[in-house]
Amino acid sequence: MIERSDERRELRRVLAAGVKLLTIGTIYEGGEWDAAGNVLTPPVAVPGWHVNLRLERPLTAGEAAAQGSIVVAPEPGSPYRVWA
């Protein structure tokens, strides 16, 4: 993210060139429904707020360190959502 002034000279955060961000939000797991679509067992929210980040370059060592444990590695075998 970078900060830029808009037409009213207010600072706004925008994505830098070469950065793509897909907001997923809350992910739910599990749940059970009957044939009519009624919830028998509600799904459970996975802790956290989820996003996908794609860069046109590798992360620098400093960027990777700043990400810490929020980067999922290795990638999940059955991801919730993928890039097209």
PDB file of N, CA and C in Angstrom:
ATOM      1  N   MET A   1       0.841  -1.167   0.000  1.00  0.00           N
ATOM      2  CA  MET A   1       0.000   0.000   0.000  1.00  0.00           C
ATOM      3  C   MET A   1       0.893   1.240   0.000  1.00  0.00           C
ATOM      4  N   ILE A   2       0.423   2.237  -0.691  1.00  0.00           N
ATOM      5  CA  ILE A   2       1.098   3.529  -0.672  1.00  0.00           C
ATOM      6  C   ILE A   2       0.056   4.595  -0.387  1.00  0.00           C
ATOM      7  N   GLU A   3       0.498   5.754   0.035  1.00  0.00           N
ATOM      8  CA  GLU A   3      -0.419   6.856   0.293  1.00  0.00           C
ATOM      9  C   GLU A   3      -0.306   7.878  -0.826  1.00  0.00           C
ATOM     10  N   ARG A   4      -1.465   8.322  -1.298  1.00  0.00           N
ATOM     11  CA  ARG A   4      -1.531   9.347  -2.346  1.00  0.00           C
ATOM     12  C   ARG A   4      -2.596  10.350  -1.968  1.00  0.00           C
ATOM     13  N   SER A   5      -2.423  11.578  -2.431  1.00  0.00           N
ATOM     14  CA  SER A   5      -3.430  12.611  -2.199  1.00  0.00           C
ATOM     15  C   SER A   5      -4.507  12.506  -3.269  1.00  0.00           C
ATOM     16  N   ASP A   6      -5.771  12.643  -2.837  1.00  0.00           N
ATOM     17  CA  ASP A   6      -6.865  12.640  -3.802  1.00  0.00           C
ATOM     18  C   ASP A   6      -7.130  14.076  -4.272  1.00  0.00           C
ATOM     19  N   GLU A   7      -8.224  14.266  -5.000  1.00  0.00           N
ATOM     20  CA  GLU A   7      -8.531  15.585  -5.560  1.00  0.00           C
ATOM     21  C   GLU A   7      -8.776  16.646  -4.486  1.00  0.00           C
ATOM     22  N   ARG A   8      -9.112  16.220  -3.260  1.00  0.00           N
ATOM     23  CA  ARG A   8      -9.303  17.166  -2.147  1.00  0.00           C
ATOM     24  C   ARG A   8      -8.061  17.256  -1.263  1.00  0.00           C
ATOM     25  N   ARG A   9      -6.961  16.704  -1.757  1.00  0.00           N
ATOM     26  CA  ARG A   9      -5.672  16.697  -1.051  1.00  0.00           C
ATOM     27  C   ARG A   9      -5.717  15.917   0.255  1.00  0.00           C
ATOM     28  N   GLU A  10      -6.627  14.957   0.326  1.00  0.00           N
ATOM     29  CA  GLU A  10      -6.686  14.057   1.476  1.00  0.00           C
ATOM     30  C   GLU A  10      -5.889  12.807   1.140  1.00  0.00           C
ATOM     31  N   LEU A  11      -5.125  12.304   2.121  1.00  0.00           N
ATOM     32  CA  LEU A  11      -4.328  11.111   1.888  1.00  0.00           C
ATOM     33  C   LEU A  11      -5.216   9.876   1.833  1.00  0.00           C
ATOM     34  N   ARG A  12      -4.994   9.048   0.848  1.00  0.00           N
ATOM     35  CA  ARG A  12      -5.707   7.781   0.674  1.00  0.00           C
ATOM     36  C   ARG A  12      -4.680   6.678   0.502  1.00  0.00           C
ATOM     37  N   ARG A  13      -4.975   5.515   1.041  1.00  0.00           N
ATOM     38  CA  ARG A  13      -4.107   4.355   0.811  1.00  0.00           C
ATOM     39  C   ARG A  13      -4.610   3.612  -0.415  1.00  0.00           C
ATOM     40  N   VAL A  14      -3.688   3.347  -1.313  1.00  0.00           N
ATOM     41  CA  VAL A  14      -4.017   2.626  -2.541  1.00  0.00           C
ATOM     42  C   VAL A  14      -2.966   1.543  -2.756  1.00  0.00           C
ATOM     43  N   LEU A  15      -3.308   0.579  -3.574  1.00  0.00           N
ATOM     44  CA  LEU A  15      -2.358  -0.490  -3.878  1.00  0.00           C
ATOM     45  C   LEU A  15      -1.231   0.045  -4.749  1.00  0.00           C
ATOM     46  N   ALA A  16      -0.035  -0.382  -4.460  1.00  0.00           N
ATOM     47  CA  ALA A  16       1.118  -0.016  -5.267  1.00  0.00           C
ATOM     48  C   ALA A  16       1.076  -0.786  -6.580  1.00  0.00           C
ATOM     49  N   ALA A  17       1.819  -0.311  -7.560  1.00  0.00           N
ATOM     50  CA  ALA A  17       1.901  -1.005  -8.844  1.00  0.00           C
ATOM     51  C   ALA A  17       2.416  -2.421  -8.616  1.00  0.00           C
ATOM     52  N   GLY A  18       1.822  -3.381  -9.307  1.00  0.00           N
ATOM     53  CA  GLY A  18       2.255  -4.768  -9.204  1.00  0.00           C
ATOM     54  C   GLY A  18       1.693  -5.518  -8.012  1.00  0.00           C
ATOM     55  N   VAL A  19       0.724  -4.917  -7.308  1.00  0.00           N
ATOM     56  CA  VAL A  19       0.122  -5.541  -6.128  1.00  0.00           C
ATOM     57  C   VAL A  19      -1.354  -5.796  -6.393  1.00  0.00           C
ATOM     58  N   LYS A  20      -1.798  -6.991  -6.131  1.00  0.00           N
ATOM     59  CA  LYS A  20      -3.212  -7.355  -6.231  1.00  0.00           C
ATOM     60  C   LYS A  20      -3.659  -7.848  -4.866  1.00  0.00           C
ATOM     61  N   LEU A  21      -4.808  -7.389  -4.405  1.00  0.00           N
ATOM     62  CA  LEU A  21      -5.321  -7.781  -3.101  1.00  0.00           C
ATOM     63  C   LEU A  21      -6.771  -8.211  -3.263  1.00  0.00           C
ATOM     64  N   LEU A  22      -7.076  -9.426  -2.849  1.00  0.00           N
ATOM     65  CA  LEU A  22      -8.428  -9.965  -2.916  1.00  0.00           C
ATOM     66  C   LEU A  22      -8.908 -10.180  -1.482  1.00  0.00           C
ATOM     67  N   THR A  23      -9.905  -9.412  -1.065  1.00  0.00           N
ATOM     68  CA  THR A  23     -10.450  -9.559   0.280  1.00  0.00           C
ATOM     69  C   THR A  23     -11.457 -10.695   0.295  1.00  0.00           C
ATOM     70  N   ILE A  24     -11.229 -11.658   1.161  1.00  0.00           N
ATOM     71  CA  ILE A  24     -12.133 -12.794   1.311  1.00  0.00           C
ATOM     72  C   ILE A  24     -13.019 -12.587   2.530  1.00  0.00           C
ATOM     73  N   GLY A  25     -12.444 -12.115   3.624  1.00  0.00           N
ATOM     74  CA  GLY A  25     -13.216 -11.893   4.849  1.00  0.00           C
ATOM     75  C   GLY A  25     -13.254 -13.136   5.714  1.00  0.00           C
ATOM     76  N   THR A  26     -14.406 -13.429   6.264  1.00  0.00           N
ATOM     77  CA  THR A  26     -14.563 -14.583   7.134  1.00  0.00           C
ATOM     78  C   THR A  26     -14.726 -15.849   6.293  1.00  0.00           C
ATOM     79  N   ILE A  27     -14.022 -16.891   6.698  1.00  0.00           N
ATOM     80  CA  ILE A  27     -14.153 -18.200   6.070  1.00  0.00           C
ATOM     81  C   ILE A  27     -14.849 -19.115   7.074  1.00  0.00           C
ATOM     82  N   TYR A  28     -15.769 -19.913   6.595  1.00  0.00           N
ATOM     83  CA  TYR A  28     -16.494 -20.857   7.445  1.00  0.00           C
ATOM     84  C   TYR A  28     -16.154 -22.278   7.043  1.00  0.00           C
ATOM     85  N   GLU A  29     -16.109 -23.156   8.038  1.00  0.00           N
ATOM     86  CA  GLU A  29     -15.854 -24.576   7.783  1.00  0.00           C
ATOM     87  C   GLU A  29     -16.975 -25.401   8.379  1.00  0.00           C
ATOM     88  N   GLY A  30     -17.182 -26.541   7.768  1.00  0.00           N
ATOM     89  CA  GLY A  30     -18.158 -27.488   8.308  1.00  0.00           C
ATOM     90  C   GLY A  30     -19.584 -27.066   8.031  1.00  0.00           C
ATOM     91  N   GLY A  31     -20.475 -27.553   8.869  1.00  0.00           N
ATOM     92  CA  GLY A  31     -21.902 -27.293   8.696  1.00  0.00           C
ATOM     93  C   GLY A  31     -22.595 -28.479   8.063  1.00  0.00           C
ATOM     94  N   GLU A  32     -23.846 -28.621   8.414  1.00  0.00           N
ATOM     95  CA  GLU A  32     -24.637 -29.726   7.865  1.00  0.00           C
ATOM     96  C   GLU A  32     -26.057 -29.223   7.625  1.00  0.00           C
ATOM     97  N   TRP A  33     -26.620 -29.563   6.471  1.00  0.00           N
ATOM     98  CA  TRP A  33     -27.951 -29.144   6.085  1.00  0.00           C
ATOM     99  C   TRP A  33     -28.776 -30.350   5.684  1.00  0.00           C
ATOM    100  N   ASP A  34     -30.096 -30.252   5.872  1.00  0.00           N
ATOM    101  CA  ASP A  34     -30.962 -31.337   5.411  1.00  0.00           C
ATOM    102  C   ASP A  34     -31.312 -31.114   3.944  1.00  0.00           C
ATOM    103  N   ALA A  35     -32.089 -32.005   3.369  1.00  0.00           N
ATOM    104  CA  ALA A  35     -32.426 -31.952   1.944  1.00  0.00           C
ATOM    105  C   ALA A  35     -33.171 -30.680   1.565  1.00  0.00           C
ATOM    106  N   ALA A  36     -33.882 -30.069   2.521  1.00  0.00           N
ATOM    107  CA  ALA A  36     -34.632 -28.843   2.254  1.00  0.00           C
ATOM    108  C   ALA A  36     -33.769 -27.590   2.432  1.00  0.00           C
ATOM    109  N   GLY A  37     -32.512 -27.769   2.847  1.00  0.00           N
ATOM    110  CA  GLY A  37     -31.631 -26.627   3.028  1.00  0.00           C
ATOM    111  C   GLY A  37     -31.641 -26.041   4.430  1.00  0.00           C
ATOM    112  N   ASN A  38     -32.307 -26.696   5.359  1.00  0.00           N
ATOM    113  CA  ASN A  38     -32.324 -26.225   6.740  1.00  0.00           C
ATOM    114  C   ASN A  38     -31.019 -26.597   7.429  1.00  0.00           C
ATOM    115  N   VAL A  39     -30.516 -25.683   8.241  1.00  0.00           N
ATOM    116  CA  VAL A  39     -29.256 -25.911   8.941  1.00  0.00           C
ATOM    117  C   VAL A  39     -29.469 -26.889  10.085  1.00  0.00           C
ATOM    118  N   LEU A  40     -28.732 -28.003  10.038  1.00  0.00           N
ATOM    119  CA  LEU A  40     -28.747 -28.959  11.134  1.00  0.00           C
ATOM    120  C   LEU A  40     -27.616 -28.661  12.111  1.00  0.00           C
ATOM    121  N   THR A  41     -26.438 -28.398  11.564  1.00  0.00           N
ATOM    122  CA  THR A  41     -25.267 -28.010  12.346  1.00  0.00           C
ATOM    123  C   THR A  41     -24.677 -26.785  11.660  1.00  0.00           C
ATOM    124  N   PRO A  42     -24.616 -25.645  12.336  1.00  0.00           N
ATOM    125  CA  PRO A  42     -24.099 -24.446  11.667  1.00  0.00           C
ATOM    126  C   PRO A  42     -22.601 -24.535  11.408  1.00  0.00           C
ATOM    127  N   PRO A  43     -22.140 -23.905  10.312  1.00  0.00           N
ATOM    128  CA  PRO A  43     -20.707 -23.861  10.061  1.00  0.00           C
ATOM    129  C   PRO A  43     -20.022 -22.990  11.114  1.00  0.00           C
ATOM    130  N   VAL A  44     -18.729 -23.193  11.279  1.00  0.00           N
ATOM    131  CA  VAL A  44     -17.950 -22.471  12.283  1.00  0.00           C
ATOM    132  C   VAL A  44     -16.969 -21.542  11.563  1.00  0.00           C
ATOM    133  N   ALA A  45     -16.872 -20.296  12.041  1.00  0.00           N
ATOM    134  CA  ALA A  45     -15.943 -19.333  11.448  1.00  0.00           C
ATOM    135  C   ALA A  45     -14.505 -19.707  11.780  1.00  0.00           C
ATOM    136  N   VAL A  46     -13.640 -19.655  10.769  1.00  0.00           N
ATOM    137  CA  VAL A  46     -12.210 -19.840  10.967  1.00  0.00           C
ATOM    138  C   VAL A  46     -11.675 -18.525  11.525  1.00  0.00           C
ATOM    139  N   PRO A  47     -10.891 -18.552  12.594  1.00  0.00           N
ATOM    140  CA  PRO A  47     -10.401 -17.292  13.174  1.00  0.00           C
ATOM    141  C   PRO A  47      -9.633 -16.447  12.161  1.00  0.00           C
ATOM    142  N   GLY A  48      -9.793 -15.137  12.261  1.00  0.00           N
ATOM    143  CA  GLY A  48      -9.033 -14.198  11.437  1.00  0.00           C
ATOM    144  C   GLY A  48      -9.844 -13.607  10.303  1.00  0.00           C
ATOM    145  N   TRP A  49      -9.245 -12.657   9.647  1.00  0.00           N
ATOM    146  CA  TRP A  49      -9.792 -12.004   8.452  1.00  0.00           C
ATOM    147  C   TRP A  49      -8.892 -12.414   7.306  1.00  0.00           C
ATOM    148  N   HIS A  50      -9.445 -12.894   6.224  1.00  0.00           N
ATOM    149  CA  HIS A  50      -8.660 -13.557   5.192  1.00  0.00           C
ATOM    150  C   HIS A  50      -8.590 -12.739   3.902  1.00  0.00           C
ATOM    151  N   VAL A  51      -7.386 -12.652   3.343  1.00  0.00           N
ATOM    152  CA  VAL A  51      -7.152 -11.984   2.070  1.00  0.00           C
ATOM    153  C   VAL A  51      -6.150 -12.808   1.268  1.00  0.00           C
ATOM    154  N   ASN A  52      -6.168 -12.628  -0.033  1.00  0.00           N
ATOM    155  CA  ASN A  52      -5.135 -13.170  -0.904  1.00  0.00           C
ATOM    156  C   ASN A  52      -4.332 -11.988  -1.423  1.00  0.00           C
ATOM    157  N   LEU A  53      -3.019 -12.104  -1.371  1.00  0.00           N
ATOM    158  CA  LEU A  53      -2.118 -11.064  -1.843  1.00  0.00           C
ATOM    159  C   LEU A  53      -1.259 -11.644  -2.950  1.00  0.00           C
ATOM    160  N   ARG A  54      -1.193 -10.948  -4.069  1.00  0.00           N
ATOM    161  CA  ARG A  54      -0.348 -11.390  -5.183  1.00  0.00           C
ATOM    162  C   ARG A  54       0.557 -10.230  -5.586  1.00  0.00           C
ATOM    163  N   LEU A  55       1.841 -10.532  -5.685  1.00  0.00           N
ATOM    164  CA  LEU A  55       2.823  -9.544  -6.114  1.00  0.00           C
ATOM    165  C   LEU A  55       3.436  -9.989  -7.429  1.00  0.00           C
ATOM    166  N   GLU A  56       3.870  -9.013  -8.215  1.00  0.00           N
ATOM    167  CA  GLU A  56       4.546  -9.333  -9.474  1.00  0.00           C
ATOM    168  C   GLU A  56       6.032  -9.605  -9.251  1.00  0.00           C
ATOM    169  N   ARG A  57       6.434  -9.688  -7.991  1.00  0.00           N
ATOM    170  CA  ARG A  57       7.832  -9.945  -7.638  1.00  0.00           C
ATOM    171  C   ARG A  57       7.844 -10.714  -6.333  1.00  0.00           C
ATOM    172  N   PRO A  58       8.963 -11.358  -5.994  1.00  0.00           N
ATOM    173  CA  PRO A  58       9.048 -12.035  -4.699  1.00  0.00           C
ATOM    174  C   PRO A  58       9.079 -11.015  -3.553  1.00  0.00           C
ATOM    175  N   LEU A  59       8.640 -11.439  -2.385  1.00  0.00           N
ATOM    176  CA  LEU A  59       8.764 -10.599  -1.197  1.00  0.00           C
ATOM    177  C   LEU A  59      10.231 -10.397  -0.864  1.00  0.00           C
ATOM    178  N   THR A  60      10.574  -9.208  -0.407  1.00  0.00           N
ATOM    179  CA  THR A  60      11.925  -8.997   0.111  1.00  0.00           C
ATOM    180  C   THR A  60      12.014  -9.688   1.473  1.00  0.00           C
ATOM    181  N   ALA A  61      13.222  -9.853   1.985  1.00  0.00           N
ATOM    182  CA  ALA A  61      13.394 -10.485   3.297  1.00  0.00           C
ATOM    183  C   ALA A  61      12.673  -9.678   4.373  1.00  0.00           C
ATOM    184  N   GLY A  62      12.738  -8.359   4.289  1.00  0.00           N
ATOM    185  CA  GLY A  62      12.061  -7.506   5.261  1.00  0.00           C
ATOM    186  C   GLY A  62      10.550  -7.623   5.193  1.00  0.00           C
ATOM    187  N   GLU A  63      10.004  -7.694   3.978  1.00  0.00           N
ATOM    188  CA  GLU A  63       8.561  -7.859   3.805  1.00  0.00           C
ATOM    189  C   GLU A  63       8.103  -9.209   4.346  1.00  0.00           C
ATOM    190  N   ALA A  64       8.876 -10.248   4.052  1.00  0.00           N
ATOM    191  CA  ALA A  64       8.523 -11.585   4.535  1.00  0.00           C
ATOM    192  C   ALA A  64       8.546 -11.620   6.054  1.00  0.00           C
ATOM    193  N   ALA A  65       9.553 -10.977   6.663  1.00  0.00           N
ATOM    194  CA  ALA A  65       9.640 -10.939   8.121  1.00  0.00           C
ATOM    195  C   ALA A  65       8.460 -10.181   8.714  1.00  0.00           C
ATOM    196  N   ALA A  66       8.031  -9.102   8.064  1.00  0.00           N
ATOM    197  CA  ALA A  66       6.900  -8.318   8.559  1.00  0.00           C
ATOM    198  C   ALA A  66       5.598  -9.103   8.473  1.00  0.00           C
ATOM    199  N   GLN A  67       5.483 -10.001   7.495  1.00  0.00           N
ATOM    200  CA  GLN A  67       4.273 -10.814   7.346  1.00  0.00           C
ATOM    201  C   GLN A  67       4.160 -11.832   8.474  1.00  0.00           C
ATOM    202  N   GLY A  68       5.299 -12.322   8.943  1.00  0.00           N
ATOM    203  CA  GLY A  68       5.308 -13.268  10.058  1.00  0.00           C
ATOM    204  C   GLY A  68       4.450 -14.484   9.786  1.00  0.00           C
ATOM    205  N   SER A  69       3.624 -14.823  10.746  1.00  0.00           N
ATOM    206  CA  SER A  69       2.830 -16.054  10.666  1.00  0.00           C
ATOM    207  C   SER A  69       1.557 -15.906   9.845  1.00  0.00           C
ATOM    208  N   ILE A  70       1.298 -14.721   9.263  1.00  0.00           N
ATOM    209  CA  ILE A  70       0.050 -14.584   8.511  1.00  0.00           C
ATOM    210  C   ILE A  70       0.140 -15.178   7.114  1.00  0.00           C
ATOM    211  N   VAL A  71       1.345 -15.488   6.656  1.00  0.00           N
ATOM    212  CA  VAL A  71       1.512 -16.126   5.358  1.00  0.00           C
ATOM    213  C   VAL A  71       1.364 -17.630   5.544  1.00  0.00           C
ATOM    214  N   VAL A  72       0.495 -18.227   4.748  1.00  0.00           N
ATOM    215  CA  VAL A  72       0.285 -19.668   4.830  1.00  0.00           C
ATOM    216  C   VAL A  72       1.281 -20.354   3.908  1.00  0.00           C
ATOM    217  N   ALA A  73       2.190 -21.102   4.521  1.00  0.00           N
ATOM    218  CA  ALA A  73       3.185 -21.825   3.737  1.00  0.00           C
ATOM    219  C   ALA A  73       3.430 -23.157   4.430  1.00  0.00           C
ATOM    220  N   PRO A  74       3.326 -24.248   3.738  1.00  0.00           N
ATOM    221  CA  PRO A  74       3.022 -24.325   2.319  1.00  0.00           C
ATOM    222  C   PRO A  74       1.547 -23.997   2.059  1.00  0.00           C
ATOM    223  N   GLU A  75       1.264 -23.709   0.811  1.00  0.00           N
ATOM    224  CA  GLU A  75      -0.106 -23.393   0.428  1.00  0.00           C
ATOM    225  C   GLU A  75      -1.018 -24.585   0.709  1.00  0.00           C
ATOM    226  N   PRO A  76      -2.287 -24.331   1.057  1.00  0.00           N
ATOM    227  CA  PRO A  76      -3.201 -25.435   1.348  1.00  0.00           C
ATOM    228  C   PRO A  76      -3.459 -26.305   0.123  1.00  0.00           C
ATOM    229  N   GLY A  77      -3.645 -27.602   0.346  1.00  0.00           N
ATOM    230  CA  GLY A  77      -3.920 -28.529  -0.747  1.00  0.00           C
ATOM    231  C   GLY A  77      -5.286 -28.331  -1.371  1.00  0.00           C
ATOM    232  N   SER A  78      -6.244 -27.827  -0.599  1.00  0.00           N
ATOM    233  CA  SER A  78      -7.578 -27.536  -1.124  1.00  0.00           C
ATOM    234  C   SER A  78      -7.961 -26.118  -0.681  1.00  0.00           C
ATOM    235  N   PRO A  79      -7.429 -25.110  -1.395  1.00  0.00           N
ATOM    236  CA  PRO A  79      -7.671 -23.731  -0.985  1.00  0.00           C
ATOM    237  C   PRO A  79      -9.138 -23.347  -1.049  1.00  0.00           C
ATOM    238  N   TYR A  80      -9.514 -22.392  -0.192  1.00  0.00           N
ATOM    239  CA  TYR A  80     -10.893 -21.899  -0.132  1.00  0.00           C
ATOM    240  C   TYR A  80     -11.224 -21.105  -1.391  1.00  0.00           C
ATOM    241  N   ARG A  81     -10.278 -20.309  -1.864  1.00  0.00           N
ATOM    242  CA  ARG A  81     -10.470 -19.496  -3.059  1.00  0.00           C
ATOM    243  C   ARG A  81      -9.132 -19.354  -3.747  1.00  0.00           C
ATOM    244  N   VAL A  82      -9.127 -19.339  -5.073  1.00  0.00           N
ATOM    245  CA  VAL A  82      -7.876 -19.223  -5.831  1.00  0.00           C
ATOM    246  C   VAL A  82      -8.015 -18.102  -6.854  1.00  0.00           C
ATOM    247  N   TRP A  83      -6.879 -17.641  -7.364  1.00  0.00           N
ATOM    248  CA  TRP A  83      -6.871 -16.636  -8.423  1.00  0.00           C
ATOM    249  C   TRP A  83      -7.286 -17.281  -9.733  1.00  0.00           C
ATOM    250  N   ALA A  84      -7.948 -16.533 -10.570  1.00  0.00           N
ATOM    251  CA  ALA A  84      -8.368 -17.051 -11.883  1.00  0.00           C
ATOM    252  C   ALA A  84      -7.204 -17.096 -12.831  1.00  0.00           C
TER     253      ALA A  84
END
